[in-house]
Amino acid sequence: MERKGRIRFLQEKIVEQRLGAVLLFYSRDVFYYTGTAQPSYLFVSPEEYILFVRRGLEFALDEVFIERDKIKEEGKLANIYREICAKIKKKKIGTEMDVLPATQMQEYQEVFSDFEFVNVSPLILEQRQTKDASEVHKLKKACEVMDAGHKAALLTLKEGITELELAAAVENAHRLAGHEGTFFIRQPDFFMSTGPIASGPNLYKVSGAVYTITGVGLSASVPAGPSRRPISKGDLIIIDVPTLVNGYHADQTRTYILGKAPQKVKTLYGKLKEIADYLIGEITPGMTCSQIYQMAIGKSKELKIADAFLNFGKGRKSRMIGHGIGLELNEPPILSTYNNSQISDGFVLALDMHMMDENVGVVKLEDMILVTNNGNQILTKSPRDLFEI
């Protein structure tokens, strides 16, 4: 769906859902439908739409791809209500209730006292799952920036460097290549460093803050990401630092080892890559997320590596092998055993899998793939090897 058709599609969904209108405020959604992330309310009814810019009007006018006569400067919700209330023919208004602060909800209810608010986030996220050509182009750019961090890791990794120093080199390369310096996850109170980095024994310490190999962080305040641990000869290292370019994310993980990899490590990584390659070749539109998850589990059993596959240690296992990616780092669909939604043409998935064998080590591989009816395309640019430094 090209940019100018996004609001028309939303208007059709408003009619299908029997809503009077939607009133959006979340920056990623406003950006998706209009092209600006300036603080705004986007009003959409079946017949029309208006972008009420609360602050930064001059920026918004330069950024939007919608018509300029659809943009007004207005920050007071009461004034917006007076302008749009007569245009809403049904008494239900959709908004993003999954990220709506309680105090803002109270204001909505006070100002729109004759209307009922309902959660419209699932509808928006469903629309955003299918990426158009312009979005795929931006995702590819983010992957190119990600590769700059990988190349910096190859040049920086040496005995005695700390995880933090390695992270700084990777992040610096990302920024210089065009990374916008932040990332978005649609979850209140989410916290993480700029991304998981871990080495040696820290690979076995998995924080509850992020559902992956996390690293331990610098303190209990943010227990995920790089620490000040010096990297030693023979250590395995995992780097999973995302990027954001023109509003779209890249998510890639690569595994490195300082020195020559033992054969058992090579075998462990080789089987992980074999599972990933199998999925990349076999995923087709129409499959369900749970079906894809079970395909991965079945392949791990076939390769006789099921105990290590997705293992978090102490009897814990991951129940997901990937996620959608786009305007947010983690977005639907979630490739988990619990999700029965279908994959469609134009979805972009981050396949995110690891092996943990307490007697061998921890390895991880994550790549982004574009799913199409004509076969899948790997978007991430960095070679998919186990890197011996």
Protein backbone atom coordinates (compact mmCIF):
# COMPACT_ATOMS: atom_id res chain seq x y z
CA MET A 1 0.00 0.00 0.00
CA GLU A 2 1.58 3.28 -1.09
CA ARG A 3 1.71 6.21 1.31
CA LYS A 4 -1.28 8.19 0.07
CA GLY A 5 -3.52 5.14 0.23
CA ARG A 6 -2.89 4.49 3.93
CA ILE A 7 -5.56 6.85 5.24
CA ARG A 8 -8.09 5.62 2.66
CA PHE A 9 -7.48 2.05 3.86
CA LEU A 10 -7.95 3.18 7.47
CA GLN A 11 -11.21 4.89 6.53
CA GLU A 12 -12.49 1.63 5.08
CA LYS A 13 -11.60 -0.16 8.31
CA ILE A 14 -13.40 2.49 10.35
CA VAL A 15 -16.57 1.70 8.42
CA GLU A 16 -16.04 -2.08 8.79
CA GLN A 17 -15.52 -1.73 12.56
CA ARG A 18 -18.59 0.53 12.87
CA LEU A 19 -16.61 3.34 14.41
CA GLY A 20 -17.43 7.01 14.15
CA ALA A 21 -13.78 8.03 13.76
CA VAL A 22 -10.27 7.51 15.09
CA LEU A 23 -8.19 10.04 16.98
CA LEU A 24 -4.51 9.05 16.90
CA PHE A 25 -1.70 10.59 18.92
CA TYR A 26 1.17 8.06 19.00
CA SER A 27 4.11 9.40 16.98
CA ARG A 28 4.81 6.20 15.02
CA ASP A 29 1.21 5.95 13.85
CA VAL A 30 0.92 9.63 12.99
CA PHE A 31 4.21 9.34 11.06
CA TYR A 32 2.92 6.30 9.16
CA TYR A 33 -0.24 8.04 7.98
CA THR A 34 1.08 11.57 7.40
CA GLY A 35 4.89 11.65 7.17
CA THR A 36 5.50 13.78 10.26
CA ALA A 37 6.23 12.81 13.86
CA GLN A 38 5.65 16.30 15.25
CA PRO A 39 3.33 16.25 18.31
CA SER A 40 -0.13 15.96 16.76
CA TYR A 41 -3.60 14.50 16.85
CA LEU A 42 -4.74 12.81 13.65
CA PHE A 43 -8.52 12.78 13.24
CA VAL A 44 -9.86 10.35 10.63
CA SER A 45 -13.53 9.73 9.87
CA PRO A 46 -15.00 7.77 6.96
CA GLU A 47 -15.40 11.00 5.01
CA GLU A 48 -12.40 13.15 5.91
CA TYR A 49 -9.28 13.64 8.01
CA ILE A 50 -7.45 16.51 9.73
CA LEU A 51 -3.99 16.62 11.27
CA PHE A 52 -4.02 18.90 14.32
CA VAL A 53 -0.39 19.83 14.98
CA ARG A 54 0.18 20.71 18.62
CA ARG A 55 3.75 21.99 18.21
CA GLY A 56 6.27 22.20 15.37
CA LEU A 57 3.91 23.30 12.58
CA GLU A 58 6.71 24.60 10.33
CA PHE A 59 8.46 21.25 10.55
CA ALA A 60 5.24 19.34 9.89
CA LEU A 61 4.41 21.39 6.79
CA ASP A 62 7.79 20.51 5.31
CA GLU A 63 7.58 16.81 6.23
CA VAL A 64 4.06 15.60 5.41
CA PHE A 65 2.99 13.72 2.30
CA ILE A 66 -0.70 14.54 2.89
CA GLU A 67 -2.37 17.67 1.55
CA ARG A 68 -1.42 20.84 3.38
CA ASP A 69 -5.03 22.00 3.56
CA LYS A 70 -5.64 19.02 5.86
CA ILE A 71 -3.25 20.46 8.49
CA LYS A 72 -4.13 22.86 11.28
CA GLU A 73 -2.22 24.20 14.26
CA GLU A 74 -4.12 23.29 17.42
CA GLY A 75 -2.99 21.89 20.74
CA LYS A 76 -6.12 22.11 22.89
CA LEU A 77 -8.26 19.01 22.92
CA ALA A 78 -11.39 21.02 23.75
CA ASN A 79 -10.97 23.07 20.57
CA ILE A 80 -10.43 19.91 18.54
CA TYR A 81 -13.61 18.47 20.02
CA ARG A 82 -15.63 21.53 18.99
CA GLU A 83 -14.37 21.22 15.42
CA ILE A 84 -14.88 17.50 14.90
CA CYS A 85 -17.75 16.40 17.19
CA ALA A 86 -20.47 17.24 14.68
CA LYS A 87 -18.58 15.26 11.99
CA ILE A 88 -18.63 12.00 13.96
CA LYS A 89 -21.81 10.11 13.11
CA LYS A 90 -21.34 7.19 15.51
CA LYS A 91 -20.50 7.40 19.18
CA LYS A 92 -17.38 5.21 19.18
CA ILE A 93 -13.92 6.70 18.64
CA GLY A 94 -10.83 4.56 18.21
CA THR A 95 -7.49 5.48 19.72
CA GLU A 96 -4.23 3.74 20.71
CA MET A 97 -5.22 2.57 24.17
CA ASP A 98 -2.22 0.25 24.53
CA VAL A 99 0.10 3.28 24.78
CA LEU A 100 -2.38 5.87 26.10
CA PRO A 101 -1.42 7.30 29.53
CA ALA A 102 -4.21 7.14 32.10
CA THR A 103 -4.18 10.91 32.60
CA GLN A 104 -4.65 11.46 28.87
CA MET A 105 -7.49 8.94 28.85
CA GLN A 106 -9.15 10.94 31.62
CA GLU A 107 -8.86 14.10 29.52
CA TYR A 108 -10.35 12.29 26.52
CA GLN A 109 -13.30 11.14 28.62
CA GLU A 110 -13.87 14.60 30.09
CA VAL A 111 -13.72 16.44 26.76
CA PHE A 112 -15.50 13.77 24.67
CA SER A 113 -18.00 12.96 27.42
CA ASP A 114 -20.71 11.94 24.93
CA PHE A 115 -18.43 9.44 23.14
CA GLU A 116 -16.98 6.02 23.94
CA PHE A 117 -13.30 5.33 23.27
CA VAL A 118 -12.17 1.90 22.07
CA ASN A 119 -8.74 0.44 21.31
CA VAL A 120 -7.82 0.69 17.63
CA SER A 121 -4.14 -0.33 17.92
CA PRO A 122 -4.66 -3.93 16.67
CA LEU A 123 -6.30 -2.59 13.52
CA ILE A 124 -3.43 -0.15 12.87
CA LEU A 125 -0.73 -2.71 13.59
CA GLU A 126 -2.42 -5.19 11.25
CA GLN A 127 -2.34 -2.61 8.47
CA ARG A 128 1.31 -1.78 9.16
CA GLN A 129 2.41 -5.44 8.85
CA THR A 130 2.45 -5.31 5.04
CA LYS A 131 5.31 -3.13 3.84
CA ASP A 132 5.12 -1.11 0.62
CA ALA A 133 8.06 -0.47 -1.69
CA SER A 134 9.07 2.77 0.04
CA GLU A 135 9.13 1.03 3.42
CA VAL A 136 11.22 -1.88 2.13
CA HIS A 137 13.69 0.65 0.70
CA LYS A 138 14.03 2.30 4.12
CA LEU A 139 14.43 -1.05 5.84
CA LYS A 140 17.25 -1.91 3.44
CA LYS A 141 18.95 1.40 4.26
CA ALA A 142 18.74 0.57 7.97
CA CYS A 143 20.34 -2.81 7.22
CA GLU A 144 23.21 -1.09 5.42
CA VAL A 145 23.79 1.07 8.49
CA MET A 146 23.71 -2.07 10.62
CA ASP A 147 26.49 -3.55 8.51
CA ALA A 148 28.70 -0.57 9.34
CA GLY A 149 28.51 -1.63 13.00
CA HIS A 150 29.45 -5.21 12.11
CA LYS A 151 32.52 -3.98 10.21
CA ALA A 152 33.49 -1.84 13.20
CA ALA A 153 33.23 -4.90 15.46
CA LEU A 154 35.63 -6.81 13.22
CA LEU A 155 38.17 -3.97 13.50
CA THR A 156 37.69 -3.35 17.23
CA LEU A 157 37.52 -6.81 18.80
CA LYS A 158 40.74 -7.74 20.56
CA GLU A 159 41.81 -9.24 23.85
CA GLY A 160 41.26 -6.95 26.82
CA ILE A 161 38.67 -4.66 25.25
CA THR A 162 35.54 -4.39 27.38
CA GLU A 163 32.01 -5.13 26.23
CA LEU A 164 31.26 -1.44 26.75
CA GLU A 165 34.16 -0.33 24.55
CA LEU A 166 33.05 -2.74 21.86
CA ALA A 167 29.47 -1.44 22.09
CA ALA A 168 30.70 2.14 21.81
CA ALA A 169 32.63 1.33 18.63
CA VAL A 170 29.61 -0.39 17.08
CA GLU A 171 27.23 2.40 18.09
CA ASN A 172 29.62 5.09 16.83
CA ALA A 173 29.81 3.39 13.43
CA HIS A 174 26.02 3.16 13.31
CA ARG A 175 25.61 6.84 14.10
CA LEU A 176 28.16 7.98 11.55
CA ALA A 177 26.43 5.84 8.93
CA GLY A 178 23.04 7.44 9.60
CA HIS A 179 21.42 5.72 12.62
CA GLU A 180 18.98 8.14 14.26
CA GLY A 181 20.18 7.25 17.74
CA THR A 182 17.06 5.71 19.23
CA PHE A 183 14.60 2.87 18.71
CA PHE A 184 10.89 2.37 19.34
CA ILE A 185 9.16 -0.51 21.11
CA ARG A 186 5.41 -0.23 21.70
CA GLN A 187 5.53 -1.09 25.37
CA PRO A 188 5.21 1.23 28.38
CA ASP A 189 8.22 1.30 30.70
CA PHE A 190 10.40 -0.68 28.33
CA PHE A 191 14.09 -0.20 29.03
CA MET A 192 17.28 -1.49 27.49
CA SER A 193 20.66 -0.13 26.54
CA THR A 194 21.25 0.62 22.87
CA GLY A 195 21.19 -3.14 22.37
CA PRO A 196 22.32 -6.48 23.82
CA ILE A 197 26.05 -7.21 23.77
CA ALA A 198 27.51 -10.03 25.85
CA SER A 199 30.62 -12.20 25.99
CA GLY A 200 31.95 -15.29 27.74
CA PRO A 201 30.08 -16.15 30.94
CA ASN A 202 27.75 -13.15 30.52
CA LEU A 203 26.09 -14.98 27.64
CA TYR A 204 24.50 -17.35 30.14
CA LYS A 205 23.04 -14.54 32.27
CA VAL A 206 19.66 -13.69 30.77
CA SER A 207 17.83 -10.72 32.25
CA GLY A 208 14.04 -10.57 32.32
CA ALA A 209 14.14 -7.13 30.72
CA VAL A 210 14.45 -8.48 27.16
CA TYR A 211 13.33 -11.85 25.77
CA THR A 212 16.67 -12.79 24.23
CA ILE A 213 20.36 -13.14 25.11
CA THR A 214 20.63 -9.87 26.98
CA GLY A 215 24.00 -9.17 28.54
CA VAL A 216 24.05 -7.88 32.10
CA GLY A 217 24.33 -4.12 31.62
CA LEU A 218 26.27 -1.62 33.71
CA SER A 219 24.05 -1.72 36.81
CA ALA A 220 20.81 -3.06 38.22
CA SER A 221 19.09 0.07 36.88
CA VAL A 222 19.29 -1.23 33.29
CA PRO A 223 20.28 -4.92 33.52
CA ALA A 224 20.68 -5.57 29.80
CA GLY A 225 23.45 -4.68 27.38
CA PRO A 226 27.22 -4.37 27.63
CA SER A 227 29.15 -4.45 30.88
CA ARG A 228 32.70 -3.44 31.75
CA ARG A 229 33.86 -7.05 31.52
CA PRO A 230 37.13 -7.40 29.53
CA ILE A 231 36.84 -9.86 26.65
CA SER A 232 39.32 -12.75 26.86
CA LYS A 233 40.88 -15.12 24.35
CA GLY A 234 38.45 -17.90 23.48
CA ASP A 235 35.34 -15.91 24.41
CA LEU A 236 32.22 -16.05 22.29
CA ILE A 237 30.67 -12.61 21.72
CA ILE A 238 27.14 -11.75 20.60
CA ILE A 239 26.24 -8.32 19.20
CA ASP A 240 22.56 -7.44 18.76
CA VAL A 241 22.42 -3.63 18.46
CA PRO A 242 19.54 -2.31 16.27
CA THR A 243 19.47 0.73 14.03
CA LEU A 244 16.83 3.25 12.93
CA VAL A 245 16.99 5.09 9.59
CA ASN A 246 14.24 7.37 8.25
CA GLY A 247 11.89 5.93 10.86
CA TYR A 248 12.49 2.24 10.04
CA HIS A 249 14.49 -0.29 12.05
CA ALA A 250 17.02 -2.98 11.32
CA ASP A 251 17.62 -5.86 13.72
CA GLN A 252 20.53 -8.22 13.21
CA THR A 253 22.62 -10.46 15.45
CA ARG A 254 26.04 -11.85 14.70
CA THR A 255 28.27 -14.16 16.73
CA TYR A 256 32.04 -13.71 17.05
CA ILE A 257 34.80 -15.61 18.82
CA LEU A 258 38.15 -14.21 19.91
CA GLY A 259 40.53 -16.83 18.56
CA LYS A 260 40.01 -20.13 16.79
CA ALA A 261 36.58 -21.68 17.27
CA PRO A 262 36.53 -25.23 18.70
CA GLN A 263 34.83 -27.75 16.45
CA LYS A 264 31.91 -28.13 18.89
CA VAL A 265 31.21 -24.39 18.63
CA LYS A 266 31.39 -24.53 14.84
CA THR A 267 28.95 -27.45 14.85
CA LEU A 268 26.58 -25.65 17.21
CA TYR A 269 26.57 -22.53 15.05
CA GLY A 270 26.33 -24.55 11.85
CA LYS A 271 23.16 -26.26 13.03
CA LEU A 272 21.64 -22.94 14.10
CA LYS A 273 22.33 -21.53 10.63
CA GLU A 274 20.87 -24.66 9.07
CA ILE A 275 17.61 -24.10 10.95
CA ALA A 276 17.55 -20.45 9.87
CA ASP A 277 18.28 -21.33 6.24
CA TYR A 278 15.53 -23.94 6.32
CA LEU A 279 12.98 -21.41 7.55
CA ILE A 280 14.07 -18.74 5.07
CA GLY A 281 13.56 -21.23 2.27
CA GLU A 282 10.27 -22.67 3.52
CA ILE A 283 8.26 -19.73 4.93
CA THR A 284 5.45 -18.84 2.52
CA PRO A 285 2.45 -16.50 2.69
CA GLY A 286 -0.52 -18.23 4.30
CA MET A 287 1.47 -20.04 6.97
CA THR A 288 0.65 -19.28 10.58
CA CYS A 289 3.21 -18.00 13.07
CA SER A 290 2.74 -21.06 15.27
CA GLN A 291 3.26 -23.32 12.26
CA ILE A 292 6.58 -21.59 11.49
CA TYR A 293 7.63 -21.94 15.13
CA GLN A 294 6.86 -25.67 15.05
CA MET A 295 8.82 -26.00 11.80
CA ALA A 296 11.87 -24.62 13.62
CA ILE A 297 11.36 -26.95 16.57
CA GLY A 298 10.95 -29.91 14.23
CA LYS A 299 14.15 -29.06 12.39
CA SER A 300 16.07 -28.79 15.67
CA LYS A 301 14.87 -32.29 16.58
CA GLU A 302 15.86 -33.61 13.16
CA LEU A 303 19.35 -32.16 13.71
CA LYS A 304 19.45 -33.63 17.24
CA ILE A 305 20.04 -30.22 18.80
CA ALA A 306 16.61 -29.57 20.36
CA ASP A 307 17.96 -29.30 23.93
CA ALA A 308 20.23 -26.37 23.00
CA PHE A 309 17.84 -24.69 20.57
CA LEU A 310 16.19 -21.60 22.16
CA ASN A 311 17.55 -22.69 25.54
CA PHE A 312 17.84 -20.02 28.25
CA GLY A 313 19.24 -22.42 30.85
CA LYS A 314 17.73 -23.66 34.12
CA GLY A 315 14.87 -25.34 32.25
CA ARG A 316 13.78 -22.18 30.45
CA LYS A 317 13.03 -22.07 26.72
CA SER A 318 12.07 -19.28 24.36
CA ARG A 319 8.61 -19.65 22.87
CA MET A 320 9.30 -17.33 19.96
CA ILE A 321 11.71 -17.36 17.03
CA GLY A 322 11.18 -13.89 15.63
CA HIS A 323 8.96 -10.89 15.11
CA GLY A 324 7.81 -8.31 12.63
CA ILE A 325 9.85 -5.14 12.24
CA GLY A 326 9.27 -1.72 10.74
CA LEU A 327 8.34 1.54 12.42
CA GLU A 328 8.90 -0.30 15.68
CA LEU A 329 11.71 -2.66 16.51
CA ASN A 330 9.33 -5.41 17.63
CA GLU A 331 5.90 -5.38 16.06
CA PRO A 332 3.37 -7.95 14.87
CA PRO A 333 3.47 -10.66 13.80
CA ILE A 334 5.21 -12.47 16.65
CA LEU A 335 6.53 -15.85 15.51
CA SER A 336 5.58 -17.82 18.59
CA THR A 337 3.95 -21.09 19.51
CA TYR A 338 0.93 -19.10 20.77
CA ASN A 339 0.20 -16.99 17.67
CA ASN A 340 -2.07 -18.45 15.02
CA SER A 341 -2.21 -15.37 12.78
CA GLN A 342 -1.12 -15.77 9.17
CA ILE A 343 1.95 -14.47 7.34
CA SER A 344 1.20 -12.54 4.15
CA ASP A 345 3.03 -11.28 1.08
CA GLY A 346 5.00 -8.14 1.96
CA PHE A 347 5.64 -8.96 5.62
CA VAL A 348 9.16 -8.31 6.94
CA LEU A 349 10.26 -10.72 9.68
CA ALA A 350 13.28 -10.71 11.95
CA LEU A 351 14.18 -14.37 12.49
CA ASP A 352 15.82 -14.31 15.94
CA MET A 353 17.18 -17.63 17.23
CA HIS A 354 19.97 -18.88 19.47
CA MET A 355 21.61 -22.01 20.83
CA MET A 356 22.75 -22.41 24.42
CA ASP A 357 24.74 -25.49 25.38
CA GLU A 358 26.27 -25.12 28.84
CA ASN A 359 29.14 -27.42 27.83
CA VAL A 360 29.89 -25.69 24.52
CA GLY A 361 28.74 -22.07 24.46
CA VAL A 362 26.08 -19.66 23.25
CA VAL A 363 25.62 -18.65 19.62
CA LYS A 364 22.96 -16.49 18.00
CA LEU A 365 21.86 -15.50 14.49
CA GLU A 366 19.24 -12.95 13.51
CA ASP A 367 18.32 -11.77 10.03
CA MET A 368 15.50 -9.81 8.44
CA ILE A 369 13.62 -11.38 5.57
CA LEU A 370 11.03 -9.99 3.19
CA VAL A 371 8.31 -12.59 2.60
CA THR A 372 6.84 -12.63 -0.91
CA ASN A 373 4.80 -14.92 -3.13
CA ASN A 374 7.90 -15.29 -5.32
CA GLY A 375 10.32 -16.37 -2.59
CA ASN A 376 11.92 -14.69 0.39
CA GLN A 377 14.68 -12.09 0.34
CA ILE A 378 17.27 -11.63 3.09
CA LEU A 379 17.48 -7.88 3.78
CA THR A 380 20.35 -7.85 6.27
CA LYS A 381 23.71 -7.24 4.62
CA SER A 382 26.40 -8.66 6.93
CA PRO A 383 27.78 -12.14 6.14
CA ARG A 384 26.06 -14.83 8.19
CA ASP A 385 29.20 -16.62 9.39
CA LEU A 386 30.69 -17.40 12.78
CA PHE A 387 33.45 -14.79 12.87
CA GLU A 388 36.83 -15.85 14.22
CA ILE A 389 38.85 -12.80 15.29
